[in-house]
């Protein structure tokens, strides 16, 4: 697991979380290794950014976004935060977008 990413319990589920313990999500409209959440989408769903020199490890890979920045992906799926989760452990993004957004589980 990359530094700063954790597995934790939130809403009665095991979830992946950022270094600030904020729930991470996947987007059904993404494809393995490709983020389709850019521009306004990425303002609401900030990507879990990776350092430019980040290296893949196990199920964790690094993808290159449309703007050239790097993003972490788990089992091929890019990971995001939800801007409206207010505190660690919130899972308010689960099921948003007619079910397109799901909690990322370890």
C-alpha atoms as a PDB file:
ATOM      1  CA  UNK A   1       0.000   0.000   0.000  1.00  0.00           C
ATOM      2  CA  UNK A   2       1.421   3.438  -0.867  1.00  0.00           C
ATOM      3  CA  UNK A   3       2.620   5.638   1.974  1.00  0.00           C
ATOM      4  CA  UNK A   4      -0.269   7.746   3.224  1.00  0.00           C
ATOM      5  CA  UNK A   5      -2.995   5.266   2.239  1.00  0.00           C
ATOM      6  CA  UNK A   6      -4.776   3.229   4.897  1.00  0.00           C
ATOM      7  CA  UNK A   7      -7.427   0.553   5.278  1.00  0.00           C
ATOM      8  CA  UNK A   8     -10.035   1.447   7.901  1.00  0.00           C
ATOM      9  CA  UNK A   9     -13.626   0.855   8.967  1.00  0.00           C
ATOM     10  CA  UNK A  10     -16.206   3.442   7.874  1.00  0.00           C
ATOM     11  CA  UNK A  11     -19.958   3.092   7.747  1.00  0.00           C
ATOM     12  CA  UNK A  12     -19.600  -0.525   8.847  1.00  0.00           C
ATOM     13  CA  UNK A  13     -17.394  -1.385   5.858  1.00  0.00           C
ATOM     14  CA  UNK A  14     -13.688  -1.864   5.228  1.00  0.00           C
ATOM     15  CA  UNK A  15     -12.577   1.039   3.049  1.00  0.00           C
ATOM     16  CA  UNK A  16      -9.409   2.510   1.615  1.00  0.00           C
ATOM     17  CA  UNK A  17      -8.611   5.961   2.962  1.00  0.00           C
ATOM     18  CA  UNK A  18      -6.205   8.812   2.289  1.00  0.00           C
ATOM     19  CA  UNK A  19      -3.494   9.925   4.683  1.00  0.00           C
ATOM     20  CA  UNK A  20      -6.069  12.229   6.272  1.00  0.00           C
ATOM     21  CA  UNK A  21      -8.327   9.165   6.750  1.00  0.00           C
ATOM     22  CA  UNK A  22     -10.807  10.379   4.119  1.00  0.00           C
ATOM     23  CA  UNK A  23     -12.670   7.644   2.242  1.00  0.00           C
ATOM     24  CA  UNK A  24     -11.470   6.790  -1.266  1.00  0.00           C
ATOM     25  CA  UNK A  25     -13.797   6.010  -4.173  1.00  0.00           C
ATOM     26  CA  UNK A  26     -13.793   4.462  -7.648  1.00  0.00           C
ATOM     27  CA  UNK A  27     -15.739   5.680 -10.695  1.00  0.00           C
ATOM     28  CA  UNK A  28     -17.642   3.214 -12.903  1.00  0.00           C
ATOM     29  CA  UNK A  29     -16.981   5.317 -16.022  1.00  0.00           C
ATOM     30  CA  UNK A  30     -13.223   4.860 -15.652  1.00  0.00           C
ATOM     31  CA  UNK A  31     -11.422   2.083 -17.462  1.00  0.00           C
ATOM     32  CA  UNK A  32      -8.478   0.156 -16.047  1.00  0.00           C
ATOM     33  CA  UNK A  33      -5.563   2.577 -15.971  1.00  0.00           C
ATOM     34  CA  UNK A  34      -7.604   5.491 -17.383  1.00  0.00           C
ATOM     35  CA  UNK A  35      -9.314   8.310 -15.469  1.00  0.00           C
ATOM     36  CA  UNK A  36     -12.428   9.729 -17.101  1.00  0.00           C
ATOM     37  CA  UNK A  37     -12.984  12.236 -14.278  1.00  0.00           C
ATOM     38  CA  UNK A  38     -11.318  15.480 -15.324  1.00  0.00           C
ATOM     39  CA  UNK A  39     -11.989  19.224 -15.185  1.00  0.00           C
ATOM     40  CA  UNK A  40     -15.239  19.929 -13.249  1.00  0.00           C
ATOM     41  CA  UNK A  41     -15.583  16.278 -12.277  1.00  0.00           C
ATOM     42  CA  UNK A  42     -12.143  16.367 -10.638  1.00  0.00           C
ATOM     43  CA  UNK A  43     -13.135  19.456  -8.632  1.00  0.00           C
ATOM     44  CA  UNK A  44     -15.872  17.425  -6.922  1.00  0.00           C
ATOM     45  CA  UNK A  45     -13.903  14.166  -6.981  1.00  0.00           C
ATOM     46  CA  UNK A  46     -10.243  15.096  -6.414  1.00  0.00           C
ATOM     47  CA  UNK A  47      -7.892  12.342  -7.580  1.00  0.00           C
ATOM     48  CA  UNK A  48      -5.619  10.592  -5.105  1.00  0.00           C
ATOM     49  CA  UNK A  49      -2.445  12.135  -6.450  1.00  0.00           C
ATOM     50  CA  UNK A  50       0.833  10.248  -6.685  1.00  0.00           C
ATOM     51  CA  UNK A  51       4.302  11.750  -6.751  1.00  0.00           C
ATOM     52  CA  UNK A  52       5.841  12.063 -10.205  1.00  0.00           C
ATOM     53  CA  UNK A  53       8.372   9.372  -9.259  1.00  0.00           C
ATOM     54  CA  UNK A  54       5.895   7.013  -7.518  1.00  0.00           C
ATOM     55  CA  UNK A  55       6.406   3.337  -8.339  1.00  0.00           C
ATOM     56  CA  UNK A  56       3.747   0.626  -8.679  1.00  0.00           C
ATOM     57  CA  UNK A  57       3.571  -1.979  -5.901  1.00  0.00           C
ATOM     58  CA  UNK A  58       1.419  -5.101  -5.914  1.00  0.00           C
ATOM     59  CA  UNK A  59      -2.190  -4.149  -6.712  1.00  0.00           C
ATOM     60  CA  UNK A  60      -1.239  -0.455  -6.687  1.00  0.00           C
ATOM     61  CA  UNK A  61      -0.374   1.282  -9.955  1.00  0.00           C
ATOM     62  CA  UNK A  62       0.262   4.851 -11.033  1.00  0.00           C
ATOM     63  CA  UNK A  63      -1.648   6.266 -13.986  1.00  0.00           C
ATOM     64  CA  UNK A  64      -1.028   9.439 -15.961  1.00  0.00           C
ATOM     65  CA  UNK A  65      -4.016  11.779 -16.024  1.00  0.00           C
ATOM     66  CA  UNK A  66      -5.144  13.854 -19.008  1.00  0.00           C
ATOM     67  CA  UNK A  67      -3.227  16.862 -17.607  1.00  0.00           C
ATOM     68  CA  UNK A  68      -0.018  14.844 -17.179  1.00  0.00           C
ATOM     69  CA  UNK A  69      -0.214  14.516 -13.379  1.00  0.00           C
ATOM     70  CA  UNK A  70       0.029  11.136 -11.664  1.00  0.00           C
ATOM     71  CA  UNK A  71      -2.767   9.353  -9.800  1.00  0.00           C
ATOM     72  CA  UNK A  72      -2.880   6.183  -7.705  1.00  0.00           C
ATOM     73  CA  UNK A  73      -5.019   3.284  -8.899  1.00  0.00           C
ATOM     74  CA  UNK A  74      -5.946   0.132  -6.981  1.00  0.00           C
ATOM     75  CA  UNK A  75      -6.428  -3.049  -9.006  1.00  0.00           C
ATOM     76  CA  UNK A  76      -6.365  -0.843 -12.106  1.00  0.00           C
ATOM     77  CA  UNK A  77      -9.093   1.559 -10.936  1.00  0.00           C
ATOM     78  CA  UNK A  78      -8.150   5.208 -10.327  1.00  0.00           C
ATOM     79  CA  UNK A  79      -8.909   6.452  -6.799  1.00  0.00           C
ATOM     80  CA  UNK A  80     -10.655   9.662  -5.756  1.00  0.00           C
ATOM     81  CA  UNK A  81     -11.797  11.626  -2.739  1.00  0.00           C
ATOM     82  CA  UNK A  82     -15.294  13.175  -2.516  1.00  0.00           C
ATOM     83  CA  UNK A  83     -15.191  16.925  -1.866  1.00  0.00           C
ATOM     84  CA  UNK A  84     -18.368  16.775   0.255  1.00  0.00           C
ATOM     85  CA  UNK A  85     -17.043  14.236   2.752  1.00  0.00           C
ATOM     86  CA  UNK A  86     -16.556  16.591   5.710  1.00  0.00           C
ATOM     87  CA  UNK A  87     -14.659  14.449   8.199  1.00  0.00           C
ATOM     88  CA  UNK A  88     -12.613  11.255   8.377  1.00  0.00           C
ATOM     89  CA  UNK A  89     -14.794   8.184   7.946  1.00  0.00           C
ATOM     90  CA  UNK A  90     -17.556   9.971   6.007  1.00  0.00           C
ATOM     91  CA  UNK A  91     -18.880   7.885   3.099  1.00  0.00           C
ATOM     92  CA  UNK A  92     -21.378  10.342   1.604  1.00  0.00           C
ATOM     93  CA  UNK A  93     -20.076   9.810  -1.939  1.00  0.00           C
ATOM     94  CA  UNK A  94     -21.032   6.128  -2.037  1.00  0.00           C
ATOM     95  CA  UNK A  95     -23.676   5.587  -4.732  1.00  0.00           C
ATOM     96  CA  UNK A  96     -23.519   9.119  -6.146  1.00  0.00           C
ATOM     97  CA  UNK A  97     -23.975   9.617  -9.886  1.00  0.00           C
ATOM     98  CA  UNK A  98     -26.716   6.980 -10.133  1.00  0.00           C
ATOM     99  CA  UNK A  99     -24.410   4.476  -8.489  1.00  0.00           C
ATOM    100  CA  UNK A 100     -21.323   5.295 -10.580  1.00  0.00           C
ATOM    101  CA  UNK A 101     -19.249   6.185  -7.488  1.00  0.00           C
ATOM    102  CA  UNK A 102     -18.393   3.383  -5.070  1.00  0.00           C
ATOM    103  CA  UNK A 103     -16.306   3.126  -1.929  1.00  0.00           C
ATOM    104  CA  UNK A 104     -12.894   1.628  -2.683  1.00  0.00           C
ATOM    105  CA  UNK A 105     -12.478  -1.514  -0.586  1.00  0.00           C
ATOM    106  CA  UNK A 106      -9.214  -3.292   0.228  1.00  0.00           C
END
